[in-house]
Amino acid sequence: MLRDITIGQYYPSDSLIHRLDPRVKLASTMLFLISLFITGSIAAYIFAGLVLLLVIRISRIPVKFIVKGLKAVFILLLISVSFNLFLTPGEVIFKLGFLHITREGVRIAVFMAVRLIYLIIGSSLMTLTTTPNELTDGLEKSLGFLNKAHIPVHEIAMMMSIALRFIPILIEETDKIMKAQMARGADFDTGGLMDRAKAMVPLLVPLFLSAFRRAADLAQAMEARCYHGGEGRTKLKPLRYKRRDYIAYFTVAIYFIIMLSTRFIGI
């Protein structure tokens, strides 16, 4: 289950999506996520799904690798769908005791499930096709205008990229701790949901200690290399827009306009 989490991981490839400027991918991901909330029609979600499949195909990332990331959020997805399915008032189409399912609840639950799946896949695509260093540079460049308001953009971008980079590291560390405890007789697979949750508690202390130790090692390494923030620092690979980046911006703008139009046209 832990190894199924794909957010924060990087999948090396030589696809067109990988070669795009990180600022393009950040803006595209943001517009894609916004587009999922400004529309509520079946046609719009089908169109967004086809676009998502096309981007996955262009990125040359196996569909199975992306889909397995949904396993880690299955419980969250199930809870969200259940709340909307059983607690939405409207025309009752099924009733069992105090539980009732309405036509409006089914519609909202389906849209919520599709929206969450698209959100996870879209966010995963950005991290799978962009290295942590590129994400840092892209965020810093994109939010550079905030420096005029004395907001530490470089530090914020650095923290976000380190947090994303630490996700797969902590997952791997958790897996090692689980295997070590299972070798000593711990059981994480049997029992109900609450039993499994309680069995995970002994993992927290060594996991937190490992995280703090890694953070301290990283801080010492940065200090040893005389790291003092982004002011006055130069880039080994400065970001420059190329023709493909402008084409990507234009394509994403067309997609967003189409999604926006479905809200007003009522498709």
Protein backbone atom coordinates (compact mmCIF):
# COMPACT_ATOMS: atom_id res chain seq x y z
CA MET A 1 0.00 0.00 0.00
CA LEU A 2 2.74 2.46 0.93
CA ARG A 3 4.66 1.86 -2.27
CA ASP A 4 1.53 2.64 -4.25
CA ILE A 5 1.79 6.35 -3.39
CA THR A 6 3.02 8.11 -6.54
CA ILE A 7 2.77 11.78 -5.49
CA GLY A 8 6.29 13.14 -4.92
CA GLN A 9 8.00 10.49 -7.04
CA TYR A 10 9.80 11.23 -10.32
CA TYR A 11 9.51 8.88 -13.29
CA PRO A 12 12.51 9.41 -15.62
CA SER A 13 11.69 9.53 -19.32
CA ASP A 14 12.46 11.56 -22.43
CA SER A 15 8.94 12.59 -23.31
CA LEU A 16 7.67 15.97 -24.47
CA ILE A 17 5.99 16.52 -21.10
CA HIS A 18 9.26 15.91 -19.26
CA ARG A 19 11.04 18.48 -21.45
CA LEU A 20 8.50 21.25 -20.83
CA ASP A 21 9.44 24.17 -18.63
CA PRO A 22 8.38 23.51 -15.00
CA ARG A 23 6.49 26.83 -14.99
CA VAL A 24 4.32 25.52 -17.81
CA LYS A 25 3.55 22.33 -15.89
CA LEU A 26 2.77 24.23 -12.69
CA ALA A 27 0.40 26.61 -14.47
CA SER A 28 -1.18 23.78 -16.47
CA THR A 29 -1.77 21.69 -13.35
CA MET A 30 -3.30 24.66 -11.56
CA LEU A 31 -5.66 25.43 -14.46
CA PHE A 32 -6.59 21.76 -14.75
CA LEU A 33 -7.50 21.58 -11.06
CA ILE A 34 -9.50 24.80 -11.27
CA SER A 35 -11.35 23.54 -14.35
CA LEU A 36 -12.62 20.55 -12.38
CA PHE A 37 -14.41 22.85 -9.92
CA ILE A 38 -15.90 25.36 -12.35
CA THR A 39 -17.97 22.77 -14.22
CA GLY A 40 -20.36 20.03 -13.23
CA SER A 41 -21.45 18.36 -16.44
CA ILE A 42 -20.82 14.83 -17.65
CA ALA A 43 -19.57 16.02 -21.04
CA ALA A 44 -16.99 18.29 -19.38
CA TYR A 45 -15.64 15.48 -17.19
CA ILE A 46 -15.45 13.12 -20.17
CA PHE A 47 -13.51 15.77 -22.09
CA ALA A 48 -11.16 16.34 -19.11
CA GLY A 49 -10.62 12.58 -18.84
CA LEU A 50 -9.72 12.28 -22.53
CA VAL A 51 -7.26 15.17 -22.19
CA LEU A 52 -5.75 13.50 -19.12
CA LEU A 53 -5.34 10.21 -21.00
CA LEU A 54 -3.69 12.06 -23.89
CA VAL A 55 -1.20 13.73 -21.55
CA ILE A 56 -0.42 10.36 -19.91
CA ARG A 57 0.18 8.86 -23.35
CA ILE A 58 2.51 11.72 -24.34
CA SER A 59 4.40 11.51 -21.04
CA ARG A 60 5.21 7.82 -21.70
CA ILE A 61 4.37 6.89 -18.13
CA PRO A 62 2.63 3.48 -17.78
CA VAL A 63 -1.05 3.87 -16.98
CA LYS A 64 -0.76 1.08 -14.37
CA PHE A 65 1.93 3.05 -12.54
CA ILE A 66 -0.33 6.10 -12.32
CA VAL A 67 -3.50 4.21 -11.46
CA LYS A 68 -1.84 2.33 -8.58
CA GLY A 69 -1.45 5.70 -6.84
CA LEU A 70 -5.22 5.69 -6.33
CA LYS A 71 -4.98 2.69 -3.99
CA ALA A 72 -3.40 4.82 -1.28
CA VAL A 73 -6.40 7.20 -1.19
CA PHE A 74 -9.11 4.58 -1.62
CA ILE A 75 -10.36 5.03 1.97
CA LEU A 76 -10.55 8.82 1.55
CA LEU A 77 -12.37 8.33 -1.75
CA LEU A 78 -14.80 5.87 -0.17
CA ILE A 79 -15.57 8.19 2.76
CA SER A 80 -16.17 11.20 0.49
CA VAL A 81 -18.46 9.23 -1.81
CA SER A 82 -20.38 7.68 1.11
CA PHE A 83 -21.06 11.03 2.79
CA ASN A 84 -22.42 12.52 -0.42
CA LEU A 85 -24.34 9.37 -1.31
CA PHE A 86 -26.22 8.94 1.97
CA LEU A 87 -26.45 12.50 3.36
CA THR A 88 -27.62 14.45 0.33
CA PRO A 89 -31.34 15.33 0.50
CA GLY A 90 -33.56 14.93 -2.55
CA GLU A 91 -35.63 12.35 -4.42
CA VAL A 92 -35.22 8.99 -2.66
CA ILE A 93 -34.52 6.07 -5.01
CA PHE A 94 -33.41 3.49 -2.42
CA LYS A 95 -34.05 3.15 1.32
CA LEU A 96 -32.79 0.65 3.88
CA GLY A 97 -33.63 1.49 7.47
CA PHE A 98 -32.32 4.95 8.31
CA LEU A 99 -30.09 4.95 5.21
CA HIS A 100 -31.46 6.41 2.03
CA ILE A 101 -29.95 7.15 -1.35
CA THR A 102 -31.25 10.06 -3.41
CA ARG A 103 -30.94 10.80 -7.10
CA GLU A 104 -29.09 14.01 -6.27
CA GLY A 105 -26.79 12.12 -3.91
CA VAL A 106 -25.81 9.64 -6.62
CA ARG A 107 -25.01 12.48 -9.02
CA ILE A 108 -22.92 14.40 -6.49
CA ALA A 109 -21.13 11.22 -5.31
CA VAL A 110 -20.17 10.24 -8.86
CA PHE A 111 -18.92 13.73 -9.65
CA MET A 112 -16.99 13.85 -6.37
CA ALA A 113 -15.32 10.50 -7.08
CA VAL A 114 -14.35 11.51 -10.62
CA ARG A 115 -13.10 14.88 -9.41
CA LEU A 116 -10.89 13.36 -6.71
CA ILE A 117 -9.48 10.78 -9.13
CA TYR A 118 -8.66 13.49 -11.67
CA LEU A 119 -7.11 15.65 -8.92
CA ILE A 120 -4.80 12.87 -7.78
CA ILE A 121 -3.78 11.80 -11.28
CA GLY A 122 -3.25 15.39 -12.45
CA SER A 123 -1.10 16.24 -9.42
CA SER A 124 0.85 13.00 -9.75
CA LEU A 125 1.59 13.72 -13.42
CA MET A 126 3.28 16.98 -12.46
CA THR A 127 5.59 15.39 -9.90
CA LEU A 128 6.23 12.29 -12.03
CA THR A 129 7.47 14.41 -14.94
CA THR A 130 9.31 17.12 -12.96
CA THR A 131 12.39 16.73 -10.77
CA PRO A 132 12.46 18.40 -7.32
CA ASN A 133 15.10 20.87 -8.54
CA GLU A 134 12.94 21.85 -11.50
CA LEU A 135 9.94 22.29 -9.22
CA THR A 136 11.94 24.58 -6.95
CA ASP A 137 13.16 26.70 -9.87
CA GLY A 138 9.69 26.79 -11.42
CA LEU A 139 8.00 27.88 -8.20
CA GLU A 140 10.65 30.50 -7.51
CA LYS A 141 10.37 31.95 -11.01
CA SER A 142 6.56 31.84 -11.05
CA LEU A 143 6.24 33.58 -7.67
CA GLY A 144 9.18 35.92 -8.15
CA PHE A 145 6.92 38.98 -8.14
CA LEU A 146 6.22 38.35 -4.42
CA ASN A 147 9.83 39.29 -3.60
CA LYS A 148 8.80 42.92 -3.92
CA ALA A 149 6.50 42.38 -0.94
CA HIS A 150 9.48 40.92 1.01
CA ILE A 151 8.02 37.42 0.90
CA PRO A 152 10.79 34.74 0.98
CA VAL A 153 9.78 33.04 -2.27
CA HIS A 154 12.97 31.00 -2.60
CA GLU A 155 12.67 29.59 0.91
CA ILE A 156 8.99 28.73 0.38
CA ALA A 157 9.75 27.00 -2.93
CA MET A 158 12.65 25.13 -1.33
CA MET A 159 10.48 23.90 1.55
CA MET A 160 7.75 22.71 -0.81
CA SER A 161 10.17 20.83 -3.05
CA ILE A 162 11.92 19.23 -0.04
CA ALA A 163 8.53 18.18 1.35
CA LEU A 164 7.65 16.54 -1.97
CA ARG A 165 11.07 14.90 -2.15
CA PHE A 166 10.69 13.51 1.37
CA ILE A 167 7.39 11.75 0.59
CA PRO A 168 8.96 8.74 -1.21
CA ILE A 169 11.87 8.72 1.27
CA LEU A 170 9.54 8.52 4.27
CA ILE A 171 7.43 5.87 2.50
CA GLU A 172 10.54 3.76 1.99
CA GLU A 173 11.57 4.33 5.60
CA THR A 174 8.11 3.31 6.84
CA ASP A 175 8.27 0.16 4.75
CA LYS A 176 11.64 -0.75 6.28
CA ILE A 177 10.35 -0.18 9.82
CA MET A 178 7.24 -2.28 9.12
CA LYS A 179 9.35 -5.17 7.79
CA ALA A 180 11.68 -4.96 10.80
CA GLN A 181 8.74 -5.05 13.23
CA MET A 182 7.04 -7.87 11.30
CA ALA A 183 10.25 -9.90 11.61
CA ARG A 184 9.87 -9.44 15.39
CA GLY A 185 6.27 -10.69 15.43
CA ALA A 186 4.24 -7.53 14.69
CA ASP A 187 1.02 -8.08 12.73
CA PHE A 188 -0.27 -5.32 10.43
CA ASP A 189 -2.52 -7.38 8.13
CA THR A 190 -5.10 -9.09 10.34
CA GLY A 191 -8.06 -7.71 12.23
CA GLY A 192 -10.53 -4.96 11.47
CA LEU A 193 -9.88 -1.40 10.41
CA MET A 194 -9.45 -0.15 13.99
CA ASP A 195 -7.10 -3.02 14.83
CA ARG A 196 -4.92 -2.22 11.84
CA ALA A 197 -4.92 1.46 12.77
CA LYS A 198 -3.81 0.65 16.33
CA ALA A 199 -1.08 -1.63 14.96
CA MET A 200 0.33 1.32 13.03
CA VAL A 201 0.85 3.41 16.19
CA PRO A 202 4.23 1.78 17.10
CA LEU A 203 5.49 2.92 13.70
CA LEU A 204 5.05 6.60 14.51
CA VAL A 205 7.87 7.03 17.06
CA PRO A 206 10.71 5.52 14.94
CA LEU A 207 9.30 7.21 11.82
CA PHE A 208 9.30 10.65 13.47
CA LEU A 209 12.80 10.07 14.84
CA SER A 210 14.00 9.08 11.37
CA ALA A 211 12.35 12.14 9.81
CA PHE A 212 13.93 14.53 12.34
CA ARG A 213 17.32 12.86 11.87
CA ARG A 214 17.12 13.23 8.10
CA ALA A 215 16.03 16.86 8.47
CA ALA A 216 18.98 17.56 10.78
CA ASP A 217 21.40 15.87 8.35
CA LEU A 218 19.99 17.91 5.47
CA ALA A 219 20.33 21.16 7.44
CA GLN A 220 23.94 20.38 8.36
CA ALA A 221 24.76 19.49 4.75
CA MET A 222 23.27 22.78 3.52
CA GLU A 223 25.21 24.74 6.14
CA ALA A 224 28.44 22.90 5.27
CA ARG A 225 27.98 24.01 1.66
CA CYS A 226 27.44 27.63 2.76
CA TYR A 227 23.83 27.72 1.66
CA HIS A 228 22.27 31.11 2.50
CA GLY A 229 19.09 31.27 0.43
CA GLY A 230 18.44 32.36 -3.13
CA GLU A 231 19.73 35.93 -3.08
CA GLY A 232 22.79 36.29 -5.31
CA ARG A 233 22.78 32.64 -6.33
CA THR A 234 23.11 31.62 -9.98
CA LYS A 235 21.46 28.68 -11.72
CA LEU A 236 23.30 25.84 -13.40
CA LYS A 237 20.36 25.46 -15.79
CA PRO A 238 18.48 28.78 -15.99
CA LEU A 239 14.87 28.49 -17.10
CA ARG A 240 14.12 29.80 -20.58
CA TYR A 241 10.92 29.40 -22.50
CA LYS A 242 11.11 27.56 -25.80
CA ARG A 243 8.68 27.21 -28.66
CA ARG A 244 7.12 24.05 -27.24
CA ASP A 245 6.38 25.88 -23.98
CA TYR A 246 4.40 28.61 -25.74
CA ILE A 247 2.50 25.95 -27.71
CA ALA A 248 1.73 24.18 -24.43
CA TYR A 249 0.45 27.43 -22.88
CA PHE A 250 -1.79 27.99 -25.91
CA THR A 251 -3.12 24.41 -25.77
CA VAL A 252 -3.89 24.64 -22.04
CA ALA A 253 -5.64 27.99 -22.58
CA ILE A 254 -7.88 26.41 -25.23
CA TYR A 255 -8.67 23.52 -22.89
CA PHE A 256 -9.57 25.90 -20.06
CA ILE A 257 -11.81 28.00 -22.34
CA ILE A 258 -13.65 24.87 -23.49
CA MET A 259 -14.17 23.71 -19.90
CA LEU A 260 -15.32 27.21 -18.90
CA SER A 261 -17.74 27.39 -21.81
CA THR A 262 -19.46 24.17 -20.72
CA ARG A 263 -20.53 25.95 -17.53
CA PHE A 264 -22.28 28.78 -19.37
CA ILE A 265 -23.59 26.78 -22.33
CA GLY A 266 -24.97 24.10 -20.00
CA ILE A 267 -23.54 21.08 -21.84
